[in-house]
C-alpha atoms as a PDB file:
ATOM      1  CA  UNK A   1     -38.125  54.554 -72.660  1.00  0.00           C
ATOM      2  CA  UNK A   2     -36.029  53.895 -75.929  1.00  0.00           C
ATOM      3  CA  UNK A   3     -33.437  55.615 -77.458  1.00  0.00           C
ATOM      4  CA  UNK A   4     -33.382  55.774 -80.949  1.00  0.00           C
ATOM      5  CA  UNK A   5     -29.821  56.823 -82.186  1.00  0.00           C
ATOM      6  CA  UNK A   6     -30.018  58.841 -85.613  1.00  0.00           C
ATOM      7  CA  UNK A   7     -27.034  57.065 -86.747  1.00  0.00           C
ATOM      8  CA  UNK A   8     -27.627  58.299 -90.251  1.00  0.00           C
ATOM      9  CA  UNK A   9     -27.882  61.650 -89.081  1.00  0.00           C
ATOM     10  CA  UNK A  10     -24.287  61.558 -88.056  1.00  0.00           C
ATOM     11  CA  UNK A  11     -23.290  62.336 -91.579  1.00  0.00           C
ATOM     12  CA  UNK A  12     -23.534  65.624 -92.390  1.00  0.00           C
ATOM     13  CA  UNK A  13     -24.195  65.072 -95.838  1.00  0.00           C
ATOM     14  CA  UNK A  14     -27.584  63.605 -95.032  1.00  0.00           C
ATOM     15  CA  UNK A  15     -28.863  66.569 -92.901  1.00  0.00           C
ATOM     16  CA  UNK A  16     -26.781  69.626 -93.950  1.00  0.00           C
ATOM     17  CA  UNK A  17     -26.491  69.276 -97.641  1.00  0.00           C
ATOM     18  CA  UNK A  18     -28.040  71.905 -99.898  1.00  0.00           C
ATOM     19  CA  UNK A  19     -30.083  69.630-101.558  1.00  0.00           C
ATOM     20  CA  UNK A  20     -32.004  68.044 -98.674  1.00  0.00           C
ATOM     21  CA  UNK A  21     -34.167  70.571 -96.603  1.00  0.00           C
ATOM     22  CA  UNK A  22     -33.293  70.372 -92.900  1.00  0.00           C
ATOM     23  CA  UNK A  23     -35.868  68.571 -91.533  1.00  0.00           C
ATOM     24  CA  UNK A  24     -37.039  67.292 -87.976  1.00  0.00           C
ATOM     25  CA  UNK A  25     -34.853  64.264 -87.009  1.00  0.00           C
ATOM     26  CA  UNK A  26     -38.570  62.657 -86.309  1.00  0.00           C
ATOM     27  CA  UNK A  27     -39.023  62.911 -90.188  1.00  0.00           C
ATOM     28  CA  UNK A  28     -36.183  61.257 -91.037  1.00  0.00           C
ATOM     29  CA  UNK A  29     -36.229  58.608 -88.557  1.00  0.00           C
ATOM     30  CA  UNK A  30     -39.900  57.961 -89.601  1.00  0.00           C
ATOM     31  CA  UNK A  31     -39.004  58.010 -93.498  1.00  0.00           C
ATOM     32  CA  UNK A  32     -36.442  55.556 -92.260  1.00  0.00           C
ATOM     33  CA  UNK A  33     -38.579  53.302 -90.284  1.00  0.00           C
ATOM     34  CA  UNK A  34     -41.050  53.072 -92.836  1.00  0.00           C
ATOM     35  CA  UNK A  35     -38.791  51.995 -95.788  1.00  0.00           C
ATOM     36  CA  UNK A  36     -36.993  49.586 -93.406  1.00  0.00           C
ATOM     37  CA  UNK A  37     -39.954  47.895 -91.920  1.00  0.00           C
ATOM     38  CA  UNK A  38     -42.813  48.466 -94.278  1.00  0.00           C
ATOM     39  CA  UNK A  39     -44.891  45.683 -92.702  1.00  0.00           C
ATOM     40  CA  UNK A  40     -44.394  47.696 -89.522  1.00  0.00           C
ATOM     41  CA  UNK A  41     -45.049  51.370 -90.819  1.00  0.00           C
ATOM     42  CA  UNK A  42     -48.247  51.707 -89.023  1.00  0.00           C
ATOM     43  CA  UNK A  43     -46.194  52.260 -85.662  1.00  0.00           C
ATOM     44  CA  UNK A  44     -44.542  55.309 -86.734  1.00  0.00           C
ATOM     45  CA  UNK A  45     -46.975  57.180 -84.431  1.00  0.00           C
ATOM     46  CA  UNK A  46     -45.584  55.430 -81.366  1.00  0.00           C
ATOM     47  CA  UNK A  47     -41.819  55.704 -82.399  1.00  0.00           C
ATOM     48  CA  UNK A  48     -42.746  59.974 -82.634  1.00  0.00           C
ATOM     49  CA  UNK A  49     -43.291  59.657 -78.852  1.00  0.00           C
ATOM     50  CA  UNK A  50     -39.943  57.918 -78.068  1.00  0.00           C
ATOM     51  CA  UNK A  51     -36.903  60.482 -77.533  1.00  0.00           C
ATOM     52  CA  UNK A  52     -34.509  60.384 -80.404  1.00  0.00           C
ATOM     53  CA  UNK A  53     -30.746  61.210 -80.034  1.00  0.00           C
ATOM     54  CA  UNK A  54     -29.025  63.331 -82.638  1.00  0.00           C
ATOM     55  CA  UNK A  55     -25.334  63.375 -83.160  1.00  0.00           C
ATOM     56  CA  UNK A  56     -23.537  66.710 -81.840  1.00  0.00           C
ATOM     57  CA  UNK A  57     -22.672  67.807 -85.328  1.00  0.00           C
ATOM     58  CA  UNK A  58     -26.572  67.555 -86.542  1.00  0.00           C
ATOM     59  CA  UNK A  59     -27.582  69.470 -83.393  1.00  0.00           C
ATOM     60  CA  UNK A  60     -25.216  71.814 -84.117  1.00  0.00           C
ATOM     61  CA  UNK A  61     -27.030  71.900 -87.972  1.00  0.00           C
ATOM     62  CA  UNK A  62     -30.204  72.217 -86.467  1.00  0.00           C
ATOM     63  CA  UNK A  63     -29.200  75.297 -83.978  1.00  0.00           C
ATOM     64  CA  UNK A  64     -27.738  76.935 -87.129  1.00  0.00           C
ATOM     65  CA  UNK A  65     -31.158  76.568 -88.914  1.00  0.00           C
ATOM     66  CA  UNK A  66     -33.165  78.266 -86.134  1.00  0.00           C
ATOM     67  CA  UNK A  67     -33.843  75.490 -83.852  1.00  0.00           C
ATOM     68  CA  UNK A  68     -34.368  76.480 -79.956  1.00  0.00           C
ATOM     69  CA  UNK A  69     -31.350  74.994 -77.449  1.00  0.00           C
ATOM     70  CA  UNK A  70     -32.977  73.895 -74.317  1.00  0.00           C
ATOM     71  CA  UNK A  71     -30.040  73.401 -71.668  1.00  0.00           C
ATOM     72  CA  UNK A  72     -31.608  71.456 -68.989  1.00  0.00           C
ATOM     73  CA  UNK A  73     -28.275  71.862 -66.658  1.00  0.00           C
ATOM     74  CA  UNK A  74     -28.592  73.329 -63.138  1.00  0.00           C
ATOM     75  CA  UNK A  75     -28.288  77.287 -63.391  1.00  0.00           C
ATOM     76  CA  UNK A  76     -24.545  76.937 -61.943  1.00  0.00           C
ATOM     77  CA  UNK A  77     -23.555  74.404 -64.870  1.00  0.00           C
ATOM     78  CA  UNK A  78     -24.950  76.837 -67.295  1.00  0.00           C
ATOM     79  CA  UNK A  79     -23.154  79.771 -66.250  1.00  0.00           C
ATOM     80  CA  UNK A  80     -19.776  78.032 -66.138  1.00  0.00           C
ATOM     81  CA  UNK A  81     -20.148  77.621 -69.750  1.00  0.00           C
ATOM     82  CA  UNK A  82     -22.920  76.695 -72.582  1.00  0.00           C
ATOM     83  CA  UNK A  83     -23.599  76.271 -76.013  1.00  0.00           C
ATOM     84  CA  UNK A  84     -23.123  79.578 -78.114  1.00  0.00           C
ATOM     85  CA  UNK A  85     -26.299  79.597 -80.197  1.00  0.00           C
ATOM     86  CA  UNK A  86     -29.036  82.487 -81.135  1.00  0.00           C
ATOM     87  CA  UNK A  87     -31.650  80.923 -79.235  1.00  0.00           C
ATOM     88  CA  UNK A  88     -30.929  79.132 -75.995  1.00  0.00           C
ATOM     89  CA  UNK A  89     -32.743  78.686 -72.749  1.00  0.00           C
ATOM     90  CA  UNK A  90     -31.945  77.238 -69.309  1.00  0.00           C
ATOM     91  CA  UNK A  91     -34.538  75.457 -67.680  1.00  0.00           C
ATOM     92  CA  UNK A  92     -32.898  72.907 -65.176  1.00  0.00           C
ATOM     93  CA  UNK A  93     -34.444  69.331 -65.456  1.00  0.00           C
ATOM     94  CA  UNK A  94     -32.789  68.374 -62.059  1.00  0.00           C
ATOM     95  CA  UNK A  95     -32.018  70.115 -58.699  1.00  0.00           C
ATOM     96  CA  UNK A  96     -28.882  69.544 -56.609  1.00  0.00           C
ATOM     97  CA  UNK A  97     -30.136  69.166 -53.028  1.00  0.00           C
ATOM     98  CA  UNK A  98     -28.367  67.469 -50.062  1.00  0.00           C
ATOM     99  CA  UNK A  99     -30.211  64.428 -50.549  1.00  0.00           C
ATOM    100  CA  UNK A 100     -28.833  64.080 -54.031  1.00  0.00           C
ATOM    101  CA  UNK A 101     -30.415  65.415 -57.629  1.00  0.00           C
ATOM    102  CA  UNK A 102     -34.080  65.595 -57.715  1.00  0.00           C
ATOM    103  CA  UNK A 103     -36.343  66.319 -60.541  1.00  0.00           C
ATOM    104  CA  UNK A 104     -37.744  69.722 -61.035  1.00  0.00           C
ATOM    105  CA  UNK A 105     -41.321  69.455 -60.785  1.00  0.00           C
ATOM    106  CA  UNK A 106     -42.284  72.453 -62.440  1.00  0.00           C
ATOM    107  CA  UNK A 107     -40.017  71.713 -65.621  1.00  0.00           C
ATOM    108  CA  UNK A 108     -42.650  71.135 -68.145  1.00  0.00           C
ATOM    109  CA  UNK A 109     -44.857  74.228 -66.723  1.00  0.00           C
ATOM    110  CA  UNK A 110     -41.789  76.349 -67.328  1.00  0.00           C
ATOM    111  CA  UNK A 111     -40.827  75.229 -70.774  1.00  0.00           C
ATOM    112  CA  UNK A 112     -44.705  75.413 -71.849  1.00  0.00           C
ATOM    113  CA  UNK A 113     -44.455  79.104 -70.458  1.00  0.00           C
ATOM    114  CA  UNK A 114     -41.870  80.017 -73.041  1.00  0.00           C
ATOM    115  CA  UNK A 115     -42.182  77.217 -75.773  1.00  0.00           C
ATOM    116  CA  UNK A 116     -45.020  75.966 -78.007  1.00  0.00           C
ATOM    117  CA  UNK A 117     -45.571  72.597 -78.658  1.00  0.00           C
ATOM    118  CA  UNK A 118     -44.755  73.157 -81.997  1.00  0.00           C
ATOM    119  CA  UNK A 119     -41.237  74.955 -81.765  1.00  0.00           C
ATOM    120  CA  UNK A 120     -38.013  73.086 -82.790  1.00  0.00           C
ATOM    121  CA  UNK A 121     -36.054  71.928 -79.995  1.00  0.00           C
ATOM    122  CA  UNK A 122     -32.653  70.575 -79.177  1.00  0.00           C
ATOM    123  CA  UNK A 123     -32.548  69.389 -75.645  1.00  0.00           C
ATOM    124  CA  UNK A 124     -29.058  69.070 -73.985  1.00  0.00           C
ATOM    125  CA  UNK A 125     -27.281  68.684 -70.645  1.00  0.00           C
ATOM    126  CA  UNK A 126     -23.466  67.794 -69.521  1.00  0.00           C
ATOM    127  CA  UNK A 127     -23.458  64.231 -70.877  1.00  0.00           C
ATOM    128  CA  UNK A 128     -26.768  63.765 -72.869  1.00  0.00           C
ATOM    129  CA  UNK A 129     -28.334  61.450 -69.714  1.00  0.00           C
ATOM    130  CA  UNK A 130     -30.939  64.133 -68.181  1.00  0.00           C
ATOM    131  CA  UNK A 131     -31.381  65.699 -71.455  1.00  0.00           C
ATOM    132  CA  UNK A 132     -32.887  62.184 -72.753  1.00  0.00           C
ATOM    133  CA  UNK A 133     -34.977  61.973 -69.983  1.00  0.00           C
ATOM    134  CA  UNK A 134     -36.199  65.969 -70.484  1.00  0.00           C
ATOM    135  CA  UNK A 135     -36.595  64.926 -74.139  1.00  0.00           C
ATOM    136  CA  UNK A 136     -39.283  61.894 -73.354  1.00  0.00           C
ATOM    137  CA  UNK A 137     -41.090  63.842 -71.158  1.00  0.00           C
ATOM    138  CA  UNK A 138     -41.223  66.868 -73.458  1.00  0.00           C
ATOM    139  CA  UNK A 139     -42.518  64.714 -75.907  1.00  0.00           C
ATOM    140  CA  UNK A 140     -44.891  62.669 -73.796  1.00  0.00           C
ATOM    141  CA  UNK A 141     -46.244  66.122 -72.794  1.00  0.00           C
ATOM    142  CA  UNK A 142     -47.134  66.956 -76.556  1.00  0.00           C
ATOM    143  CA  UNK A 143     -44.274  68.885 -77.654  1.00  0.00           C
ATOM    144  CA  UNK A 144     -43.826  67.545 -81.803  1.00  0.00           C
ATOM    145  CA  UNK A 145     -40.082  68.218 -82.477  1.00  0.00           C
ATOM    146  CA  UNK A 146     -37.769  67.642 -79.364  1.00  0.00           C
ATOM    147  CA  UNK A 147     -34.792  65.845 -79.803  1.00  0.00           C
ATOM    148  CA  UNK A 148     -31.618  65.309 -77.460  1.00  0.00           C
ATOM    149  CA  UNK A 149     -28.316  66.190 -78.163  1.00  0.00           C
ATOM    150  CA  UNK A 150     -25.934  63.034 -77.916  1.00  0.00           C
ATOM    151  CA  UNK A 151     -23.002  63.368 -75.854  1.00  0.00           C
ATOM    152  CA  UNK A 152     -24.202  66.786 -74.157  1.00  0.00           C
ATOM    153  CA  UNK A 153     -22.042  70.087 -73.716  1.00  0.00           C
ATOM    154  CA  UNK A 154     -19.224  67.515 -73.477  1.00  0.00           C
ATOM    155  CA  UNK A 155     -19.457  66.363 -76.868  1.00  0.00           C
ATOM    156  CA  UNK A 156     -19.866  70.017 -77.957  1.00  0.00           C
ATOM    157  CA  UNK A 157     -16.678  70.967 -76.292  1.00  0.00           C
ATOM    158  CA  UNK A 158     -14.776  67.938 -77.768  1.00  0.00           C
ATOM    159  CA  UNK A 159     -15.506  69.346 -81.257  1.00  0.00           C
ATOM    160  CA  UNK A 160     -14.634  72.702 -80.523  1.00  0.00           C
ATOM    161  CA  UNK A 161     -17.733  74.259 -81.235  1.00  0.00           C
ATOM    162  CA  UNK A 162     -18.446  78.101 -79.978  1.00  0.00           C
ATOM    163  CA  UNK A 163     -18.685  78.238 -76.423  1.00  0.00           C
ATOM    164  CA  UNK A 164     -20.357  81.274 -74.082  1.00  0.00           C
ATOM    165  CA  UNK A 165     -19.293  81.791 -70.398  1.00  0.00           C
ATOM    166  CA  UNK A 166     -22.001  83.644 -68.239  1.00  0.00           C
ATOM    167  CA  UNK A 167     -19.184  83.991 -65.298  1.00  0.00           C
ATOM    168  CA  UNK A 168     -16.561  85.695 -67.448  1.00  0.00           C
ATOM    169  CA  UNK A 169     -19.213  88.441 -68.254  1.00  0.00           C
ATOM    170  CA  UNK A 170     -19.864  89.238 -64.843  1.00  0.00           C
ATOM    171  CA  UNK A 171     -15.985  89.531 -63.988  1.00  0.00           C
ATOM    172  CA  UNK A 172     -15.612  92.048 -66.962  1.00  0.00           C
ATOM    173  CA  UNK A 173     -18.583  94.251 -66.012  1.00  0.00           C
END
């Protein structure tokens, strides 16, 4: 599995400019790939099956434009704090067990039950590792637009972006 870092998405002027429509990272990667490698432009379809990592700032822009945030951390991690956005789902990609972390065997079924293959997804976890694997699985399962949020929740917090904590809500009730 290869990770293509969308380095040109790191600068907001490429993605968040009012002059450019906010399109899927796959569009920008495919366009760049075709221009940078015209002799290999026929390989774009295989590139789209690869997981793409976008910078946390670009991910925030996607979420503000209506993308769904799929948090693949455990329920416990999610409740301690998560990305604050309008459309958010928590479906763990892995579970903690006495033997260590194990992959959620129902992950794809659970995501498919609440998302369509055409939905625009930003996938995140604590640091970006689990979400990279989850993103690759989603793309291989037929989801058209799923991108890994580089740096995960840690990068979100480091950038001072809005957070929501579920445990505080329980304490206030």
